[in-house]
Full PDB file with SEQRES, HELIX, SHEET, SSBOND, CRYST1, ORIGX, SCALE, CONECT and MASTER records, all heavy atoms in Angstrom:
SEQRES   1 A   44  PHE ALA HIS LYS LEU ASP PHE VAL ALA GLU ALA THR ALA          
SEQRES   2 A   44  TRP CYS LEU GLU ARG GLY PRO ALA ARG ARG ALA VAL MET          
SEQRES   3 A   44  VAL GLY ASP LEU ASN ILE ALA PRO LEU GLU HIS ASP VAL          
SEQRES   4 A   44  TRP SER HIS LYS GLN                                          
HELIX    1 AA1 ALA A    2  ARG A   18  1                                  17    
HELIX    2 AA2 GLU A   36  ASP A   38  5                                   3    
CRYST1    1.000    1.000    1.000  90.00  90.00  90.00 P 1           1          
ORIGX1      1.000000  0.000000  0.000000        0.00000                         
ORIGX2      0.000000  1.000000  0.000000        0.00000                         
ORIGX3      0.000000  0.000000  1.000000        0.00000                         
SCALE1      1.000000  0.000000  0.000000        0.00000                         
SCALE2      0.000000  1.000000  0.000000        0.00000                         
SCALE3      0.000000  0.000000  1.000000        0.00000                         
ATOM      1  N   PHE A   1      29.086 146.028 183.037  1.00  0.00           N  
ATOM      2  CA  PHE A   1      30.196 145.408 182.311  1.00  0.00           C  
ATOM      3  C   PHE A   1      30.512 144.034 182.903  1.00  0.00           C  
ATOM      4  O   PHE A   1      30.787 143.081 182.161  1.00  0.00           O  
ATOM      5  CB  PHE A   1      31.423 146.313 182.371  1.00  0.00           C  
ATOM      6  CG  PHE A   1      32.512 145.930 181.412  1.00  0.00           C  
ATOM      7  CD1 PHE A   1      32.341 146.082 180.043  1.00  0.00           C  
ATOM      8  CD2 PHE A   1      33.712 145.413 181.867  1.00  0.00           C  
ATOM      9  CE1 PHE A   1      33.347 145.728 179.145  1.00  0.00           C  
ATOM     10  CE2 PHE A   1      34.728 145.058 180.983  1.00  0.00           C  
ATOM     11  CZ  PHE A   1      34.542 145.211 179.621  1.00  0.00           C  
ATOM     12  N   ALA A   2      30.429 143.941 184.218  1.00  0.00           N  
ATOM     13  CA  ALA A   2      30.636 142.644 184.869  1.00  0.00           C  
ATOM     14  C   ALA A   2      29.596 141.636 184.403  1.00  0.00           C  
ATOM     15  O   ALA A   2      29.917 140.464 184.145  1.00  0.00           O  
ATOM     16  CB  ALA A   2      30.580 142.810 186.382  1.00  0.00           C  
ATOM     17  N   HIS A   3      28.342 142.080 184.292  1.00  0.00           N  
ATOM     18  CA  HIS A   3      27.270 141.197 183.814  1.00  0.00           C  
ATOM     19  C   HIS A   3      27.552 140.722 182.395  1.00  0.00           C  
ATOM     20  O   HIS A   3      27.366 139.538 182.070  1.00  0.00           O  
ATOM     21  CB  HIS A   3      25.933 141.934 183.874  1.00  0.00           C  
ATOM     22  CG  HIS A   3      24.772 141.145 183.369  1.00  0.00           C  
ATOM     23  ND1 HIS A   3      23.694 141.737 182.758  1.00  0.00           N  
ATOM     24  CD2 HIS A   3      24.517 139.806 183.368  1.00  0.00           C  
ATOM     25  CE1 HIS A   3      22.820 140.798 182.411  1.00  0.00           C  
ATOM     26  NE2 HIS A   3      23.300 139.626 182.761  1.00  0.00           N  
ATOM     27  N   LYS A   4      28.034 141.636 181.557  1.00  0.00           N  
ATOM     28  CA  LYS A   4      28.346 141.267 180.171  1.00  0.00           C  
ATOM     29  C   LYS A   4      29.390 140.166 180.127  1.00  0.00           C  
ATOM     30  O   LYS A   4      29.232 139.157 179.418  1.00  0.00           O  
ATOM     31  CB  LYS A   4      28.829 142.500 179.414  1.00  0.00           C  
ATOM     32  CG  LYS A   4      29.163 142.252 177.945  1.00  0.00           C  
ATOM     33  CD  LYS A   4      29.552 143.549 177.264  1.00  0.00           C  
ATOM     34  CE  LYS A   4      29.594 143.406 175.760  1.00  0.00           C  
ATOM     35  NZ  LYS A   4      29.833 144.707 175.092  1.00  0.00           N  
ATOM     36  N   LEU A   5      30.464 140.344 180.871  1.00  0.00           N  
ATOM     37  CA  LEU A   5      31.525 139.338 180.882  1.00  0.00           C  
ATOM     38  C   LEU A   5      31.047 138.020 181.476  1.00  0.00           C  
ATOM     39  O   LEU A   5      31.397 136.943 180.976  1.00  0.00           O  
ATOM     40  CB  LEU A   5      32.736 139.862 181.654  1.00  0.00           C  
ATOM     41  CG  LEU A   5      33.430 141.101 181.072  1.00  0.00           C  
ATOM     42  CD1 LEU A   5      34.617 141.500 181.934  1.00  0.00           C  
ATOM     43  CD2 LEU A   5      33.863 140.872 179.626  1.00  0.00           C  
ATOM     44  N   ASP A   6      30.236 138.088 182.530  1.00  0.00           N  
ATOM     45  CA  ASP A   6      29.691 136.869 183.130  1.00  0.00           C  
ATOM     46  C   ASP A   6      28.777 136.136 182.149  1.00  0.00           C  
ATOM     47  O   ASP A   6      28.793 134.905 182.068  1.00  0.00           O  
ATOM     48  CB  ASP A   6      28.918 137.205 184.405  1.00  0.00           C  
ATOM     49  CG  ASP A   6      29.822 137.629 185.552  1.00  0.00           C  
ATOM     50  OD1 ASP A   6      31.045 137.410 185.461  1.00  0.00           O  
ATOM     51  OD2 ASP A   6      29.298 138.193 186.535  1.00  0.00           O  
ATOM     52  N   PHE A   7      27.960 136.885 181.428  1.00  0.00           N  
ATOM     53  CA  PHE A   7      27.039 136.304 180.449  1.00  0.00           C  
ATOM     54  C   PHE A   7      27.818 135.531 179.385  1.00  0.00           C  
ATOM     55  O   PHE A   7      27.515 134.367 179.090  1.00  0.00           O  
ATOM     56  CB  PHE A   7      26.215 137.421 179.806  1.00  0.00           C  
ATOM     57  CG  PHE A   7      25.125 136.958 178.883  1.00  0.00           C  
ATOM     58  CD1 PHE A   7      23.802 136.967 179.291  1.00  0.00           C  
ATOM     59  CD2 PHE A   7      25.411 136.517 177.595  1.00  0.00           C  
ATOM     60  CE1 PHE A   7      22.787 136.546 178.433  1.00  0.00           C  
ATOM     61  CE2 PHE A   7      24.413 136.093 176.737  1.00  0.00           C  
ATOM     62  CZ  PHE A   7      23.091 136.106 177.163  1.00  0.00           C  
ATOM     63  N   VAL A   8      28.826 136.176 178.815  1.00  0.00           N  
ATOM     64  CA  VAL A   8      29.609 135.533 177.762  1.00  0.00           C  
ATOM     65  C   VAL A   8      30.378 134.332 178.313  1.00  0.00           C  
ATOM     66  O   VAL A   8      30.489 133.295 177.648  1.00  0.00           O  
ATOM     67  CB  VAL A   8      30.555 136.548 177.094  1.00  0.00           C  
ATOM     68  CG1 VAL A   8      31.460 135.864 176.084  1.00  0.00           C  
ATOM     69  CG2 VAL A   8      29.749 137.648 176.410  1.00  0.00           C  
ATOM     70  N   ALA A   9      30.864 134.445 179.537  1.00  0.00           N  
ATOM     71  CA  ALA A   9      31.582 133.325 180.147  1.00  0.00           C  
ATOM     72  C   ALA A   9      30.656 132.124 180.352  1.00  0.00           C  
ATOM     73  O   ALA A   9      31.056 130.970 180.115  1.00  0.00           O  
ATOM     74  CB  ALA A   9      32.187 133.753 181.480  1.00  0.00           C  
ATOM     75  N   GLU A  10      29.426 132.365 180.776  1.00  0.00           N  
ATOM     76  CA  GLU A  10      28.465 131.266 180.953  1.00  0.00           C  
ATOM     77  C   GLU A  10      28.139 130.614 179.614  1.00  0.00           C  
ATOM     78  O   GLU A  10      28.050 129.381 179.510  1.00  0.00           O  
ATOM     79  CB  GLU A  10      27.184 131.778 181.617  1.00  0.00           C  
ATOM     80  CG  GLU A  10      27.294 131.951 183.115  1.00  0.00           C  
ATOM     81  CD  GLU A  10      25.931 132.083 183.792  1.00  0.00           C  
ATOM     82  OE1 GLU A  10      24.894 131.839 183.123  1.00  0.00           O  
ATOM     83  OE2 GLU A  10      25.910 132.430 184.975  1.00  0.00           O  
ATOM     84  N   ALA A  11      27.932 131.449 178.580  1.00  0.00           N  
ATOM     85  CA  ALA A  11      27.622 130.903 177.254  1.00  0.00           C  
ATOM     86  C   ALA A  11      28.798 130.090 176.715  1.00  0.00           C  
ATOM     87  O   ALA A  11      28.605 129.059 176.061  1.00  0.00           O  
ATOM     88  CB  ALA A  11      27.266 132.040 176.302  1.00  0.00           C  
ATOM     89  N   THR A  12      30.004 130.538 177.005  1.00  0.00           N  
ATOM     90  CA  THR A  12      31.199 129.818 176.578  1.00  0.00           C  
ATOM     91  C   THR A  12      31.292 128.459 177.268  1.00  0.00           C  
ATOM     92  O   THR A  12      31.559 127.428 176.631  1.00  0.00           O  
ATOM     93  CB  THR A  12      32.455 130.657 176.879  1.00  0.00           C  
ATOM     94  OG1 THR A  12      32.349 131.915 176.203  1.00  0.00           O  
ATOM     95  CG2 THR A  12      33.715 129.935 176.432  1.00  0.00           C  
ATOM     96  N   ALA A  13      31.067 128.462 178.577  1.00  0.00           N  
ATOM     97  CA  ALA A  13      31.111 127.202 179.328  1.00  0.00           C  
ATOM     98  C   ALA A  13      30.047 126.232 178.825  1.00  0.00           C  
ATOM     99  O   ALA A  13      30.287 125.012 178.751  1.00  0.00           O  
ATOM    100  CB  ALA A  13      30.915 127.489 180.816  1.00  0.00           C  
ATOM    101  N   TRP A  14      28.876 126.758 178.484  1.00  0.00           N  
ATOM    102  CA  TRP A  14      27.790 125.925 177.956  1.00  0.00           C  
ATOM    103  C   TRP A  14      28.204 125.279 176.637  1.00  0.00           C  
ATOM    104  O   TRP A  14      27.985 124.087 176.419  1.00  0.00           O  
ATOM    105  CB  TRP A  14      26.552 126.799 177.776  1.00  0.00           C  
ATOM    106  CG  TRP A  14      25.308 126.107 177.334  1.00  0.00           C  
ATOM    107  CD1 TRP A  14      24.643 125.099 177.984  1.00  0.00           C  
ATOM    108  CD2 TRP A  14      24.544 126.386 176.156  1.00  0.00           C  
ATOM    109  NE1 TRP A  14      23.504 124.746 177.286  1.00  0.00           N  
ATOM    110  CE2 TRP A  14      23.422 125.523 176.151  1.00  0.00           C  
ATOM    111  CE3 TRP A  14      24.677 127.300 175.114  1.00  0.00           C  
ATOM    112  CZ2 TRP A  14      22.461 125.532 175.153  1.00  0.00           C  
ATOM    113  CZ3 TRP A  14      23.725 127.322 174.111  1.00  0.00           C  
ATOM    114  CH2 TRP A  14      22.633 126.436 174.131  1.00  0.00           C  
ATOM    115  N   CYS A  15      28.832 126.054 175.766  1.00  0.00           N  
ATOM    116  CA  CYS A  15      29.302 125.510 174.489  1.00  0.00           C  
ATOM    117  C   CYS A  15      30.387 124.457 174.698  1.00  0.00           C  
ATOM    118  O   CYS A  15      30.403 123.424 174.014  1.00  0.00           O  
ATOM    119  CB  CYS A  15      29.818 126.635 173.597  1.00  0.00           C  
ATOM    120  SG  CYS A  15      28.525 127.556 172.746  1.00  0.00           S  
ATOM    121  N   LEU A  16      31.284 124.706 175.634  1.00  0.00           N  
ATOM    122  CA  LEU A  16      32.330 123.727 175.917  1.00  0.00           C  
ATOM    123  C   LEU A  16      31.732 122.416 176.413  1.00  0.00           C  
ATOM    124  O   LEU A  16      32.168 121.328 176.024  1.00  0.00           O  
ATOM    125  CB  LEU A  16      33.297 124.287 176.956  1.00  0.00           C  
ATOM    126  CG  LEU A  16      34.347 125.272 176.449  1.00  0.00           C  
ATOM    127  CD1 LEU A  16      35.091 125.895 177.621  1.00  0.00           C  
ATOM    128  CD2 LEU A  16      35.323 124.589 175.492  1.00  0.00           C  
ATOM    129  N   GLU A  17      30.732 122.526 177.246  1.00  0.00           N  
ATOM    130  CA  GLU A  17      30.074 121.333 177.789  1.00  0.00           C  
ATOM    131  C   GLU A  17      29.370 120.545 176.694  1.00  0.00           C  
ATOM    132  O   GLU A  17      29.388 119.311 176.693  1.00  0.00           O  
ATOM    133  CB  GLU A  17      29.074 121.754 178.866  1.00  0.00           C  
ATOM    134  CG  GLU A  17      28.349 120.600 179.527  1.00  0.00           C  
ATOM    135  CD  GLU A  17      27.339 121.064 180.561  1.00  0.00           C  
ATOM    136  OE1 GLU A  17      27.392 122.234 180.971  1.00  0.00           O  
ATOM    137  OE2 GLU A  17      26.479 120.258 180.954  1.00  0.00           O  
ATOM    138  N   ARG A  18      28.782 121.241 175.744  1.00  0.00           N  
ATOM    139  CA  ARG A  18      28.028 120.588 174.680  1.00  0.00           C  
ATOM    140  C   ARG A  18      28.928 120.055 173.572  1.00  0.00           C  
ATOM    141  O   ARG A  18      28.535 119.175 172.810  1.00  0.00           O  
ATOM    142  CB  ARG A  18      27.014 121.570 174.076  1.00  0.00           C  
ATOM    143  CG  ARG A  18      26.019 122.128 175.075  1.00  0.00           C  
ATOM    144  CD  ARG A  18      25.060 123.090 174.390  1.00  0.00           C  
ATOM    145  NE  ARG A  18      24.029 122.375 173.667  1.00  0.00           N  
ATOM    146  CZ  ARG A  18      23.461 122.801 172.544  1.00  0.00           C  
ATOM    147  NH1 ARG A  18      23.851 123.921 171.990  1.00  0.00           N  
ATOM    148  NH2 ARG A  18      22.516 122.104 171.956  1.00  0.00           N  
ATOM    149  N   GLY A  19      30.110 120.635 173.414  1.00  0.00           N  
ATOM    150  CA  GLY A  19      31.012 120.223 172.351  1.00  0.00           C  
ATOM    151  C   GLY A  19      30.758 121.012 171.078  1.00  0.00           C  
ATOM    152  O   GLY A  19      29.889 121.888 171.022  1.00  0.00           O  
ATOM    153  N   PRO A  20      31.515 120.740 170.011  1.00  0.00           N  
ATOM    154  CA  PRO A  20      31.371 121.485 168.767  1.00  0.00           C  
ATOM    155  C   PRO A  20      29.935 121.472 168.253  1.00  0.00           C  
ATOM    156  O   PRO A  20      29.273 120.429 168.258  1.00  0.00           O  
ATOM    157  CB  PRO A  20      32.308 120.745 167.806  1.00  0.00           C  
ATOM    158  CG  PRO A  20      33.319 120.101 168.692  1.00  0.00           C  
ATOM    159  CD  PRO A  20      32.576 119.722 169.944  1.00  0.00           C  
ATOM    160  N   ALA A  21      29.468 122.635 167.830  1.00  0.00           N  
ATOM    161  CA  ALA A  21      28.102 122.747 167.311  1.00  0.00           C  
ATOM    162  C   ALA A  21      27.948 121.899 166.049  1.00  0.00           C  
ATOM    163  O   ALA A  21      28.872 121.798 165.236  1.00  0.00           O  
ATOM    164  CB  ALA A  21      27.779 124.198 167.013  1.00  0.00           C  
ATOM    165  N   ARG A  22      26.770 121.317 165.903  1.00  0.00           N  
ATOM    166  CA  ARG A  22      26.464 120.524 164.717  1.00  0.00           C  
ATOM    167  C   ARG A  22      25.086 120.897 164.193  1.00  0.00           C  
ATOM    168  O   ARG A  22      24.143 120.991 164.965  1.00  0.00           O  
ATOM    169  CB  ARG A  22      26.507 119.021 165.038  1.00  0.00           C  
ATOM    170  CG  ARG A  22      27.911 118.499 165.350  1.00  0.00           C  
ATOM    171  CD  ARG A  22      27.909 117.005 165.610  1.00  0.00           C  
ATOM    172  NE  ARG A  22      29.263 116.494 165.820  1.00  0.00           N  
ATOM    173  CZ  ARG A  22      29.893 116.521 166.987  1.00  0.00           C  
ATOM    174  NH1 ARG A  22      29.276 117.032 168.054  1.00  0.00           N  
ATOM    175  NH2 ARG A  22      31.118 116.042 167.103  1.00  0.00           N  
ATOM    176  N   ARG A  23      25.028 121.107 162.899  1.00  0.00           N  
ATOM    177  CA  ARG A  23      23.783 121.506 162.227  1.00  0.00           C  
ATOM    178  C   ARG A  23      23.077 122.601 163.049  1.00  0.00           C  
ATOM    179  O   ARG A  23      21.926 122.453 163.475  1.00  0.00           O  
ATOM    180  CB  ARG A  23      22.885 120.294 162.016  1.00  0.00           C  
ATOM    181  CG  ARG A  23      21.806 120.530 160.964  1.00  0.00           C  
ATOM    182  CD  ARG A  23      21.159 119.244 160.475  1.00  0.00           C  
ATOM    183  NE  ARG A  23      19.990 119.516 159.665  1.00  0.00           N  
ATOM    184  CZ  ARG A  23      19.999 119.906 158.390  1.00  0.00           C  
ATOM    185  NH1 ARG A  23      21.149 120.064 157.780  1.00  0.00           N  
ATOM    186  NH2 ARG A  23      18.885 120.131 157.737  1.00  0.00           N  
ATOM    187  N   ALA A  24      23.804 123.682 163.253  1.00  0.00           N  
ATOM    188  CA  ALA A  24      23.332 124.741 164.142  1.00  0.00           C  
ATOM    189  C   ALA A  24      23.755 126.112 163.614  1.00  0.00           C  
ATOM    190  O   ALA A  24      24.763 126.259 162.928  1.00  0.00           O  
ATOM    191  CB  ALA A  24      23.878 124.537 165.549  1.00  0.00           C  
ATOM    192  N   VAL A  25      22.940 127.111 163.960  1.00  0.00           N  
ATOM    193  CA  VAL A  25      23.203 128.504 163.618  1.00  0.00           C  
ATOM    194  C   VAL A  25      22.990 129.347 164.864  1.00  0.00           C  
ATOM    195  O   VAL A  25      22.033 129.120 165.608  1.00  0.00           O  
ATOM    196  CB  VAL A  25      22.280 128.996 162.477  1.00  0.00           C  
ATOM    197  CG1 VAL A  25      22.529 130.467 162.177  1.00  0.00           C  
ATOM    198  CG2 VAL A  25      22.454 128.150 161.228  1.00  0.00           C  
ATOM    199  N   MET A  26      23.882 130.297 165.089  1.00  0.00           N  
ATOM    200  CA  MET A  26      23.736 131.226 166.196  1.00  0.00           C  
ATOM    201  C   MET A  26      23.792 132.640 165.657  1.00  0.00           C  
ATOM    202  O   MET A  26      24.699 132.976 164.880  1.00  0.00           O  
ATOM    203  CB  MET A  26      24.841 131.031 167.233  1.00  0.00           C  
ATOM    204  CG  MET A  26      24.493 131.612 168.587  1.00  0.00           C  
ATOM    205  SD  MET A  26      25.918 131.655 169.684  1.00  0.00           S  
ATOM    206  CE  MET A  26      26.497 133.299 169.367  1.00  0.00           C  
ATOM    207  N   VAL A  27      22.828 133.465 166.044  1.00  0.00           N  
ATOM    208  CA  VAL A  27      22.770 134.836 165.546  1.00  0.00           C  
ATOM    209  C   VAL A  27      22.511 135.777 166.709  1.00  0.00           C  
ATOM    210  O   VAL A  27      22.147 135.368 167.813  1.00  0.00           O  
ATOM    211  CB  VAL A  27      21.653 135.014 164.495  1.00  0.00           C  
ATOM    212  CG1 VAL A  27      21.711 133.933 163.426  1.00  0.00           C  
ATOM    213  CG2 VAL A  27      20.265 135.020 165.146  1.00  0.00           C  
ATOM    214  N   GLY A  28      22.681 137.060 166.427  1.00  0.00           N  
ATOM    215  CA  GLY A  28      22.229 138.033 167.399  1.00  0.00           C  
ATOM    216  C   GLY A  28      23.086 139.275 167.491  1.00  0.00           C  
ATOM    217  O   GLY A  28      24.123 139.413 166.829  1.00  0.00           O  
ATOM    218  N   ASP A  29      22.605 140.176 168.336  1.00  0.00           N  
ATOM    219  CA  ASP A  29      23.373 141.353 168.722  1.00  0.00           C  
ATOM    220  C   ASP A  29      24.258 140.919 169.881  1.00  0.00           C  
ATOM    221  O   ASP A  29      23.810 140.841 171.023  1.00  0.00           O  
ATOM    222  CB  ASP A  29      22.425 142.485 169.137  1.00  0.00           C  
ATOM    223  CG  ASP A  29      23.169 143.701 169.659  1.00  0.00           C  
ATOM    224  OD1 ASP A  29      24.419 143.709 169.604  1.00  0.00           O  
ATOM    225  OD2 ASP A  29      22.504 144.637 170.139  1.00  0.00           O  
ATOM    226  N   LEU A  30      25.513 140.637 169.569  1.00  0.00           N  
ATOM    227  CA  LEU A  30      26.449 140.152 170.577  1.00  0.00           C  
ATOM    228  C   LEU A  30      27.196 141.304 171.247  1.00  0.00           C  
ATOM    229  O   LEU A  30      27.968 141.087 172.172  1.00  0.00           O  
ATOM    230  CB  LEU A  30      27.425 139.156 169.960  1.00  0.00           C  
ATOM    231  CG  LEU A  30      26.773 137.960 169.249  1.00  0.00           C  
ATOM    232  CD1 LEU A  30      27.840 136.972 168.800  1.00  0.00           C  
ATOM    233  CD2 LEU A  30      25.731 137.277 170.119  1.00  0.00           C  
ATOM    234  N   ASN A  31      26.953 142.519 170.781  1.00  0.00           N  
ATOM    235  CA  ASN A  31      27.475 143.741 171.407  1.00  0.00           C  
ATOM    236  C   ASN A  31      28.992 143.756 171.575  1.00  0.00           C  
ATOM    237  O   ASN A  31      29.522 144.435 172.451  1.00  0.00           O  
ATOM    238  CB  ASN A  31      26.785 143.979 172.749  1.00  0.00           C  
ATOM    239  CG  ASN A  31      25.625 144.970 172.608  1.00  0.00           C  
ATOM    240  OD1 ASN A  31      25.779 146.016 171.982  1.00  0.00           O  
ATOM    241  ND2 ASN A  31      24.483 144.635 173.174  1.00  0.00           N  
ATOM    242  N   ILE A  32      29.690 143.003 170.723  1.00  0.00           N  
ATOM    243  CA  ILE A  32      31.150 143.015 170.692  1.00  0.00           C  
ATOM    244  C   ILE A  32      31.582 143.005 169.225  1.00  0.00           C  
ATOM    245  O   ILE A  32      31.070 142.208 168.429  1.00  0.00           O  
ATOM    246  CB  ILE A  32      31.750 141.799 171.425  1.00  0.00           C  
ATOM    247  CG1 ILE A  32      31.334 141.801 172.901  1.00  0.00           C  
ATOM    248  CG2 ILE A  32      33.280 141.807 171.320  1.00  0.00           C  
ATOM    249  CD1 ILE A  32      31.737 140.539 173.659  1.00  0.00           C  
ATOM    250  N   ALA A  33      32.491 143.908 168.903  1.00  0.00           N  
ATOM    251  CA  ALA A  33      33.092 143.954 167.570  1.00  0.00           C  
ATOM    252  C   ALA A  33      34.499 143.375 167.695  1.00  0.00           C  
ATOM    253  O   ALA A  33      35.411 144.051 168.180  1.00  0.00           O  
ATOM    254  CB  ALA A  33      33.136 145.392 167.068  1.00  0.00           C  
ATOM    255  N   PRO A  34      34.726 142.129 167.310  1.00  0.00           N  
ATOM    256  CA  PRO A  34      35.962 141.447 167.689  1.00  0.00           C  
ATOM    257  C   PRO A  34      37.199 141.766 166.860  1.00  0.00           C  
ATOM    258  O   PRO A  34      38.311 141.694 167.379  1.00  0.00           O  
ATOM    259  CB  PRO A  34      35.591 139.965 167.548  1.00  0.00           C  
ATOM    260  CG  PRO A  34      34.525 139.949 166.513  1.00  0.00           C  
ATOM    261  CD  PRO A  34      33.745 141.212 166.698  1.00  0.00           C  
ATOM    262  N   LEU A  35      37.033 142.099 165.593  1.00  0.00           N  
ATOM    263  CA  LEU A  35      38.195 142.236 164.717  1.00  0.00           C  
ATOM    264  C   LEU A  35      38.610 143.703 164.546  1.00  0.00           C  
ATOM    265  O   LEU A  35      37.807 144.614 164.740  1.00  0.00           O  
ATOM    266  CB  LEU A  35      37.905 141.615 163.354  1.00  0.00           C  
ATOM    267  CG  LEU A  35      37.483 140.137 163.365  1.00  0.00           C  
ATOM    268  CD1 LEU A  35      37.267 139.649 161.945  1.00  0.00           C  
ATOM    269  CD2 LEU A  35      38.523 139.282 164.081  1.00  0.00           C  
ATOM    270  N   GLU A  36      39.846 143.891 164.160  1.00  0.00           N  
ATOM    271  CA  GLU A  36      40.371 145.255 163.993  1.00  0.00           C  
ATOM    272  C   GLU A  36      39.512 146.092 163.064  1.00  0.00           C  
ATOM    273  O   GLU A  36      39.250 147.280 163.305  1.00  0.00           O  
ATOM    274  CB  GLU A  36      41.806 145.186 163.461  1.00  0.00           C  
ATOM    275  CG  GLU A  36      42.438 146.536 163.205  1.00  0.00           C  
ATOM    276  CD  GLU A  36      43.878 146.446 162.725  1.00  0.00           C  
ATOM    277  OE1 GLU A  36      44.466 145.348 162.813  1.00  0.00           O  
ATOM    278  OE2 GLU A  36      44.405 147.481 162.258  1.00  0.00           O  
ATOM    279  N   HIS A  37      39.035 145.470 161.985  1.00  0.00           N  
ATOM    280  CA  HIS A  37      38.256 146.218 161.005  1.00  0.00           C  
ATOM    281  C   HIS A  37      36.748 146.039 161.180  1.00  0.00           C  
ATOM    282  O   HIS A  37      35.978 146.353 160.278  1.00  0.00           O  
ATOM    283  CB  HIS A  37      38.715 145.844 159.596  1.00  0.00           C  
ATOM    284  CG  HIS A  37      40.132 146.237 159.321  1.00  0.00           C  
ATOM    285  ND1 HIS A  37      40.539 147.553 159.248  1.00  0.00           N  
ATOM    286  CD2 HIS A  37      41.252 145.482 159.158  1.00  0.00           C  
ATOM    287  CE1 HIS A  37      41.840 147.599 159.029  1.00  0.00           C  
ATOM    288  NE2 HIS A  37      42.291 146.358 158.974  1.00  0.00           N  
ATOM    289  N   ASP A  38      36.363 145.583 162.352  1.00  0.00           N  
ATOM    290  CA  ASP A  38      34.948 145.583 162.748  1.00  0.00           C  
ATOM    291  C   ASP A  38      34.571 146.898 163.412  1.00  0.00           C  
ATOM    292  O   ASP A  38      33.423 147.062 163.841  1.00  0.00           O  
ATOM    293  CB  ASP A  38      34.663 144.441 163.731  1.00  0.00           C  
ATOM    294  CG  ASP A  38      34.645 143.076 163.062  1.00  0.00           C  
ATOM    295  OD1 ASP A  38      34.547 143.019 161.817  1.00  0.00           O  
ATOM    296  OD2 ASP A  38      34.738 142.065 163.782  1.00  0.00           O  
ATOM    297  N   VAL A  39      35.526 147.812 163.526  1.00  0.00           N  
ATOM    298  CA  VAL A  39      35.267 149.140 164.095  1.00  0.00           C  
ATOM    299  C   VAL A  39      35.938 150.188 163.221  1.00  0.00           C  
ATOM    300  O   VAL A  39      36.893 149.893 162.493  1.00  0.00           O  
ATOM    301  CB  VAL A  39      35.792 149.265 165.543  1.00  0.00           C  
ATOM    302  CG1 VAL A  39      35.030 148.345 166.477  1.00  0.00           C  
ATOM    303  CG2 VAL A  39      37.294 148.972 165.623  1.00  0.00           C  
ATOM    304  N   TRP A  40      35.464 151.415 163.323  1.00  0.00           N  
ATOM    305  CA  TRP A  40      35.988 152.477 162.457  1.00  0.00           C  
ATOM    306  C   TRP A  40      37.411 152.868 162.808  1.00  0.00           C  
ATOM    307  O   TRP A  40      38.170 153.315 161.952  1.00  0.00           O  
ATOM    308  CB  TRP A  40      35.065 153.692 162.481  1.00  0.00           C  
ATOM    309  CG  TRP A  40      34.967 154.384 163.817  1.00  0.00           C  
ATOM    310  CD1 TRP A  40      34.100 154.092 164.819  1.00  0.00           C  
ATOM    311  CD2 TRP A  40      35.766 155.480 164.279  1.00  0.00           C  
ATOM    312  NE1 TRP A  40      34.301 154.921 165.893  1.00  0.00           N  
ATOM    313  CE2 TRP A  40      35.309 155.799 165.581  1.00  0.00           C  
ATOM    314  CE3 TRP A  40      36.805 156.229 163.732  1.00  0.00           C  
ATOM    315  CZ2 TRP A  40      35.876 156.823 166.334  1.00  0.00           C  
ATOM    316  CZ3 TRP A  40      37.358 157.252 164.483  1.00  0.00           C  
ATOM    317  CH2 TRP A  40      36.906 157.543 165.762  1.00  0.00           C  
ATOM    318  N   SER A  41      37.797 152.688 164.086  1.00  0.00           N  
ATOM    319  CA  SER A  41      39.174 152.982 164.490  1.00  0.00           C  
ATOM    320  C   SER A  41      39.578 152.022 165.601  1.00  0.00           C  
ATOM    321  O   SER A  41      39.166 152.194 166.749  1.00  0.00           O  
ATOM    322  CB  SER A  41      39.324 154.428 164.971  1.00  0.00           C  
ATOM    323  OG  SER A  41      40.631 154.640 165.512  1.00  0.00           O  
ATOM    324  N   HIS A  42      40.368 151.045 165.256  1.00  0.00           N  
ATOM    325  CA  HIS A  42      40.832 150.068 166.245  1.00  0.00           C  
ATOM    326  C   HIS A  42      41.573 150.765 167.388  1.00  0.00           C  
ATOM    327  O   HIS A  42      41.324 150.484 168.567  1.00  0.00           O  
ATOM    328  CB  HIS A  42      41.737 149.063 165.543  1.00  0.00           C  
ATOM    329  CG  HIS A  42      42.443 148.109 166.450  1.00  0.00           C  
ATOM    330  ND1 HIS A  42      41.767 147.181 167.220  1.00  0.00           N  
ATOM    331  CD2 HIS A  42      43.774 147.950 166.719  1.00  0.00           C  
ATOM    332  CE1 HIS A  42      42.660 146.484 167.921  1.00  0.00           C  
ATOM    333  NE2 HIS A  42      43.873 146.932 167.636  1.00  0.00           N  
ATOM    334  N   LYS A  43      42.440 151.682 167.062  1.00  0.00           N  
ATOM    335  CA  LYS A  43      43.264 152.356 168.066  1.00  0.00           C  
ATOM    336  C   LYS A  43      42.407 153.176 169.029  1.00  0.00           C  
ATOM    337  O   LYS A  43      42.582 153.114 170.254  1.00  0.00           O  
ATOM    338  CB  LYS A  43      44.297 153.241 167.385  1.00  0.00           C  
ATOM    339  CG  LYS A  43      45.263 153.918 168.347  1.00  0.00           C  
ATOM    340  CD  LYS A  43      46.315 154.716 167.594  1.00  0.00           C  
ATOM    341  CE  LYS A  43      47.272 155.396 168.555  1.00  0.00           C  
ATOM    342  NZ  LYS A  43      48.317 156.191 167.815  1.00  0.00           N  
ATOM    343  N   GLN A  44      41.463 153.938 168.489  1.00  0.00           N  
ATOM    344  CA  GLN A  44      40.663 154.827 169.325  1.00  0.00           C  
ATOM    345  C   GLN A  44      39.599 154.091 170.132  1.00  0.00           C  
ATOM    346  O   GLN A  44      39.100 154.624 171.128  1.00  0.00           O  
ATOM    347  CB  GLN A  44      40.006 155.910 168.466  1.00  0.00           C  
ATOM    348  CG  GLN A  44      40.992 156.871 167.843  1.00  0.00           C  
ATOM    349  CD  GLN A  44      40.316 158.000 167.086  1.00  0.00           C  
ATOM    350  OE1 GLN A  44      39.610 158.806 167.670  1.00  0.00           O  
ATOM    351  NE2 GLN A  44      40.527 158.046 165.774  1.00  0.00           N  
TER     352      GLN A  44                                                      
MASTER        0    0    0    2    0    0    0    6  351    1    0    4          
END                                                                             
């Protein structure tokens, strides 16, 4: 779990350094469901 958070933090810092993406697409299994209705039960 620590590795996961470190990975995302590094990717975030990289994006901040580069600035807003331009003419770019990012895809993948990001292994995080961010929104309430991205999961079958937000509460559980």
